[in-house]
């Protein structure tokens, strides 16, 4: 089988990087603390896009990866603020 691009050099690195990005996004989708639908909504991308990445039917683009990362960062920051509030209430002895 012949490939349209050489198996080494810039193109090889580009495709290897894209595959790695897709795998990282797929793992993030699978481990997200919500459904694919909620993650897609928070990221501002179509649910079908994330579902297809999750099912290995599509590669993740940089834009989708960025959007998913932003959504996860926002949840992380919200959770950290909530945890901080709980710890403060515990220290004050509120029950």
Protein backbone atom coordinates (compact mmCIF):
# COMPACT_ATOMS: atom_id res chain seq x y z
CA UNK A 1 0.00 0.00 0.00
CA UNK A 2 1.40 3.40 -0.89
CA UNK A 3 0.86 6.49 1.20
CA UNK A 4 0.37 9.94 -0.30
CA UNK A 5 2.97 11.40 2.09
CA UNK A 6 6.32 10.13 3.26
CA UNK A 7 6.35 7.96 6.39
CA UNK A 8 8.87 10.25 8.04
CA UNK A 9 9.50 13.94 8.32
CA UNK A 10 7.02 16.77 8.77
CA UNK A 11 3.92 14.98 7.46
CA UNK A 12 4.57 11.93 9.60
CA UNK A 13 4.95 14.16 12.68
CA UNK A 14 1.78 16.04 11.77
CA UNK A 15 -0.31 12.89 11.51
CA UNK A 16 1.23 11.36 14.65
CA UNK A 17 0.42 14.57 16.54
CA UNK A 18 -3.16 14.54 15.25
CA UNK A 19 -3.65 10.93 16.33
CA UNK A 20 -2.26 11.75 19.76
CA UNK A 21 -4.58 14.75 20.07
CA UNK A 22 -7.56 12.60 19.12
CA UNK A 23 -6.65 9.98 21.71
CA UNK A 24 -6.28 12.61 24.42
CA UNK A 25 -9.64 14.16 23.54
CA UNK A 26 -11.27 10.71 23.44
CA UNK A 27 -9.96 9.96 26.94
CA UNK A 28 -11.20 13.33 28.16
CA UNK A 29 -14.67 12.66 26.75
CA UNK A 30 -14.74 9.24 28.38
CA UNK A 31 -13.58 10.55 31.77
CA UNK A 32 -15.55 13.79 31.84
CA UNK A 33 -17.81 14.18 34.88
CA UNK A 34 -20.89 14.43 32.69
CA UNK A 35 -22.60 13.05 29.63
CA UNK A 36 -21.33 13.62 26.11
CA UNK A 37 -24.35 15.86 25.53
CA UNK A 38 -23.51 18.09 28.53
CA UNK A 39 -19.83 18.25 27.56
CA UNK A 40 -20.73 19.18 23.98
CA UNK A 41 -23.10 21.89 25.21
CA UNK A 42 -20.49 23.33 27.58
CA UNK A 43 -17.84 23.20 24.85
CA UNK A 44 -20.13 24.73 22.23
CA UNK A 45 -19.64 21.89 19.76
CA UNK A 46 -22.19 19.50 18.26
CA UNK A 47 -22.88 16.41 20.35
CA UNK A 48 -22.47 14.30 17.21
CA UNK A 49 -18.91 15.57 16.84
CA UNK A 50 -17.91 14.39 20.32
CA UNK A 51 -19.83 11.13 19.91
CA UNK A 52 -17.99 10.39 16.66
CA UNK A 53 -14.61 11.19 18.25
CA UNK A 54 -15.53 8.96 21.18
CA UNK A 55 -16.50 6.12 18.80
CA UNK A 56 -13.23 6.51 16.84
CA UNK A 57 -15.18 7.57 13.76
CA UNK A 58 -13.62 11.02 13.57
CA UNK A 59 -10.37 12.76 14.48
CA UNK A 60 -10.38 15.68 16.86
CA UNK A 61 -9.50 19.06 15.44
CA UNK A 62 -7.49 21.59 17.38
CA UNK A 63 -10.59 23.78 17.66
CA UNK A 64 -12.66 20.96 19.18
CA UNK A 65 -9.81 20.02 21.54
CA UNK A 66 -9.51 23.65 22.65
CA UNK A 67 -13.27 23.90 23.24
CA UNK A 68 -13.36 20.67 25.27
CA UNK A 69 -10.37 21.80 27.33
CA UNK A 70 -12.06 25.16 28.06
CA UNK A 71 -15.24 23.40 29.22
CA UNK A 72 -13.27 21.06 31.49
CA UNK A 73 -11.23 23.98 32.85
CA UNK A 74 -14.42 25.87 33.69
CA UNK A 75 -15.87 22.87 35.55
CA UNK A 76 -12.58 22.37 37.35
CA UNK A 77 -12.53 25.99 38.51
CA UNK A 78 -16.17 25.78 39.64
CA UNK A 79 -15.51 22.56 41.57
CA UNK A 80 -12.41 24.06 43.20
CA UNK A 81 -14.43 27.11 44.33
CA UNK A 82 -17.17 24.88 45.74
CA UNK A 83 -14.64 22.71 47.58
CA UNK A 84 -13.01 25.84 49.01
CA UNK A 85 -16.40 27.08 50.24
CA UNK A 86 -17.05 23.74 51.93
CA UNK A 87 -13.67 23.82 53.68
CA UNK A 88 -14.27 27.39 54.87
CA UNK A 89 -17.67 26.43 56.29
CA UNK A 90 -16.07 23.44 58.06
CA UNK A 91 -13.43 25.66 59.65
CA UNK A 92 -16.09 28.05 60.90
CA UNK A 93 -17.86 25.09 62.47
CA UNK A 94 -21.07 25.45 60.45
CA UNK A 95 -23.17 22.38 60.21
